[in-house]
Protein backbone atom coordinates (compact mmCIF):
# COMPACT_ATOMS: atom_id res chain seq x y z
CA MET A 1 0.00 0.00 0.00
CA SER A 2 1.43 3.38 -0.98
CA GLU A 3 1.76 6.28 1.44
CA ARG A 4 -0.99 8.16 -0.39
CA ASP A 5 -3.31 5.13 -0.19
CA ALA A 6 -2.58 4.72 3.53
CA ASP A 7 -3.32 8.41 4.08
CA ALA A 8 -6.54 8.14 2.07
CA LEU A 9 -7.64 5.25 4.28
CA LEU A 10 -6.91 7.27 7.43
CA VAL A 11 -8.75 10.27 5.98
CA ARG A 12 -11.84 8.16 5.24
CA GLU A 13 -11.71 6.75 8.77
CA ALA A 14 -11.38 10.27 10.22
CA GLN A 15 -14.23 11.53 8.05
CA ALA A 16 -16.32 8.68 9.46
CA GLY A 17 -15.75 10.10 12.93
CA ARG A 18 -12.80 8.02 14.13
CA ARG A 19 -10.64 10.57 15.92
CA ALA A 20 -7.73 8.15 16.31
CA ALA A 21 -7.30 8.07 12.52
CA PHE A 22 -6.90 11.85 12.40
CA ASP A 23 -4.54 11.70 15.37
CA MET A 24 -2.36 9.29 13.36
CA LEU A 25 -2.25 11.77 10.47
CA VAL A 26 -1.25 14.54 12.88
CA LEU A 27 1.54 12.40 14.34
CA LYS A 28 2.74 11.51 10.86
CA TYR A 29 2.91 15.09 9.53
CA GLN A 30 3.33 17.30 12.58
CA ARG A 31 7.13 17.59 12.31
CA ARG A 32 6.98 18.43 8.60
CA VAL A 33 4.39 21.12 9.23
CA GLU A 34 6.45 22.52 12.12
CA ARG A 35 9.52 22.73 9.85
CA LEU A 36 7.50 24.51 7.20
CA LEU A 37 6.11 26.98 9.72
CA SER A 38 9.48 27.57 11.38
CA ARG A 39 10.78 29.03 8.14
CA SER A 40 8.13 31.74 8.34
CA VAL A 41 7.90 32.34 12.08
CA SER A 42 10.83 32.97 14.41
CA ASP A 43 9.19 32.30 17.78
CA PRO A 44 9.03 28.55 18.59
CA ASP A 45 5.89 29.16 20.67
CA ASP A 46 4.23 30.71 17.61
CA VAL A 47 5.32 27.71 15.51
CA ALA A 48 3.65 25.33 17.97
CA ASP A 49 0.50 27.46 18.08
CA LEU A 50 0.33 27.76 14.30
CA CYS A 51 0.90 24.03 13.89
CA GLN A 52 -2.01 23.38 16.23
CA GLU A 53 -4.08 25.97 14.34
CA THR A 54 -3.19 24.25 11.05
CA PHE A 55 -4.33 20.83 12.20
CA LEU A 56 -7.43 22.26 13.86
CA ALA A 57 -8.36 23.95 10.57
CA ALA A 58 -7.65 20.70 8.74
CA TYR A 59 -9.86 18.78 11.16
CA HIS A 60 -12.75 21.18 10.65
CA ALA A 61 -12.28 21.17 6.86
CA LEU A 62 -11.81 17.39 6.67
CA PRO A 63 -15.43 16.64 5.70
CA GLY A 64 -14.86 18.68 2.53
CA PHE A 65 -11.53 17.03 1.64
CA ARG A 66 -12.15 15.16 -1.62
CA GLY A 67 -8.73 13.59 -2.05
CA ASP A 68 -7.89 15.44 -5.29
CA SER A 69 -4.41 15.95 -3.84
CA ALA A 70 -2.40 14.02 -1.31
CA PHE A 71 -3.37 14.67 2.31
CA TYR A 72 -0.01 16.20 3.22
CA THR A 73 -0.18 18.52 0.19
CA TRP A 74 -3.56 19.71 1.44
CA VAL A 75 -2.28 20.17 5.01
CA TYR A 76 0.83 22.00 3.76
CA ARG A 77 -1.41 24.41 1.85
CA ILE A 78 -3.40 25.03 5.05
CA ALA A 79 -0.12 25.59 6.93
CA ILE A 80 1.12 28.06 4.32
CA ASN A 81 -2.15 29.98 4.53
CA THR A 82 -1.98 29.93 8.33
CA ALA A 83 1.58 31.29 8.25
CA GLN A 84 0.59 34.00 5.77
CA ARG A 85 -2.29 35.13 7.99
CA HIS A 86 0.08 35.17 10.97
CA ARG A 87 2.66 37.22 9.07
CA ALA A 88 -0.06 39.67 8.08
CA ARG A 89 -0.84 40.15 11.79
CA GLN A 90 2.85 40.43 12.74
CA ARG A 91 5.89 42.08 11.27
CA PRO A 92 7.47 39.90 8.56
CA VAL A 93 10.05 37.52 9.99
CA THR A 94 11.87 34.68 8.30
CA SER A 95 13.69 32.03 10.24
CA LEU A 96 15.91 29.31 8.94
CA ASP A 97 16.96 28.31 12.44
CA ASP A 98 15.59 24.79 12.51
CA ASP A 99 17.79 21.75 12.10
CA GLU A 100 16.79 21.10 8.53
CA GLY A 101 16.45 24.64 7.22
CA THR A 102 19.66 26.24 8.45
CA PHE A 103 22.88 26.09 6.56
CA ASP A 104 25.27 25.63 9.47
CA ALA A 105 29.01 25.66 8.86
CA ASP A 106 29.69 24.12 12.28
CA ALA A 107 27.36 21.16 11.80
CA HIS A 108 30.15 18.72 10.87
CA PRO A 109 33.55 20.33 11.45
CA THR A 110 36.44 18.13 10.46
CA ASP A 111 39.43 17.50 12.71
CA ASP A 112 41.83 18.77 10.05
CA ALA A 113 39.91 21.99 9.33
CA THR A 114 42.06 25.06 9.74
CA PRO A 115 40.75 28.15 11.53
CA GLU A 116 40.73 29.90 8.16
CA ALA A 117 38.65 27.12 6.60
CA LEU A 118 36.21 27.19 9.53
CA LEU A 119 35.89 30.97 9.23
CA ALA A 120 35.29 30.70 5.48
CA SER A 121 32.66 28.02 6.07
CA ARG A 122 30.91 30.17 8.68
CA GLN A 123 30.97 33.17 6.35
CA LEU A 124 29.54 31.06 3.56
CA ALA A 125 26.77 29.73 5.83
CA VAL A 126 25.89 33.25 6.99
CA GLY A 127 25.96 34.47 3.39
CA LEU A 128 23.74 31.61 2.26
CA ASN A 129 21.22 32.24 5.04
CA GLU A 130 21.15 35.95 4.22
CA ALA A 131 20.79 35.20 0.51
CA VAL A 132 17.88 32.81 1.14
CA GLU A 133 16.21 35.34 3.44
CA GLY A 134 16.61 37.97 0.72
CA LEU A 135 14.68 35.96 -1.87
CA ALA A 136 11.13 36.85 -2.80
CA ASP A 137 8.69 34.91 -0.63
CA ASP A 138 7.39 32.69 -3.45
CA GLN A 139 10.95 31.89 -4.62
CA ARG A 140 12.16 31.13 -1.08
CA ARG A 141 9.18 28.92 -0.33
CA ALA A 142 9.49 26.96 -3.60
CA LEU A 143 13.25 26.52 -3.17
CA LEU A 144 12.99 25.33 0.44
CA LEU A 145 10.12 22.96 -0.32
CA ARG A 146 12.29 21.46 -3.06
CA GLU A 147 15.73 21.47 -1.45
CA VAL A 148 14.90 21.07 2.25
CA ASP A 149 11.65 19.09 2.19
CA GLY A 150 12.49 17.18 -1.01
CA LEU A 151 9.09 17.66 -2.61
CA SER A 152 8.58 17.14 -6.33
CA TYR A 153 7.75 20.05 -8.63
CA GLU A 154 4.19 18.74 -8.93
CA GLU A 155 3.76 18.56 -5.14
CA ILE A 156 5.11 22.09 -4.77
CA ALA A 157 2.75 23.26 -7.52
CA ASP A 158 -0.17 21.77 -5.58
CA LEU A 159 1.00 23.45 -2.38
CA MET A 160 1.56 26.83 -3.99
CA ASP A 161 -1.53 26.57 -6.20
CA CYS A 162 0.33 27.29 -9.43
CA PRO A 163 1.48 25.32 -12.50
CA PRO A 164 4.63 23.16 -12.25
CA GLY A 165 6.29 25.40 -14.85
CA THR A 166 5.87 28.36 -12.52
CA VAL A 167 7.48 26.35 -9.71
CA ARG A 168 10.43 25.48 -11.97
CA SER A 169 10.79 29.13 -12.92
CA ARG A 170 10.68 30.29 -9.28
CA ILE A 171 13.28 27.73 -8.26
CA PHE A 172 15.49 28.63 -11.23
CA ARG A 173 15.29 32.35 -10.38
CA ALA A 174 15.99 31.58 -6.70
CA ARG A 175 19.06 29.52 -7.58
CA GLU A 176 20.31 32.24 -9.94
CA ALA A 177 19.84 34.89 -7.23
CA LEU A 178 21.68 32.71 -4.69
CA ALA A 179 24.52 32.10 -7.12
CA ALA A 180 24.88 35.83 -7.76
CA ARG A 181 24.93 36.61 -4.03
CA LEU A 182 27.35 33.80 -3.18
CA ARG A 183 29.75 34.21 -6.11
CA PRO A 184 31.85 36.85 -4.28
CA LEU A 185 32.15 34.57 -1.25
CA LEU A 186 33.36 31.73 -3.47
CA GLY A 187 35.96 33.74 -5.34
CA GLY A 188 33.89 34.48 -8.43
CA GLY A 189 34.79 31.23 -10.22
CA TRP A 190 31.65 29.37 -9.23
CA ARG A 191 28.63 29.20 -11.53
């Protein structure tokens, strides 16, 4: 049974009133939704609240879920909308400070790394984080969904409610912008 089929079974069970089935879906996707939200919200307490808000909204909307997309694609879209509403209420903040969204030069230092190499790695990580934060929201979101979450172009298109070609274009423009910003840090010879 595929993951999508297993999710569809749990969704049908939850729609039939079996709360445990929805709880299983929450357990399965909670961490992914938290990671997604943490890239838009800097306060961990807000991330937890927005994650809860996302799944509460999903629970209330579940009777109308038709299964046209995968369950997690549908929940991700709810999470993105929840984060956008939150950002509209707050000042815009972007955070890449979760384990899977931060480019951390100190994550795996080698024993033979020189202080100069460590400094260069830290500068590159800081530059990369700043470059990602400087991207347009739609480019940053598409790039992170692809590179951090590993979603396909089609899944990202479903999440962002746009054609796959638009997703490819956003990711291409994001990569080009990152390359332009990072080229000086890499000595100009990198393409």
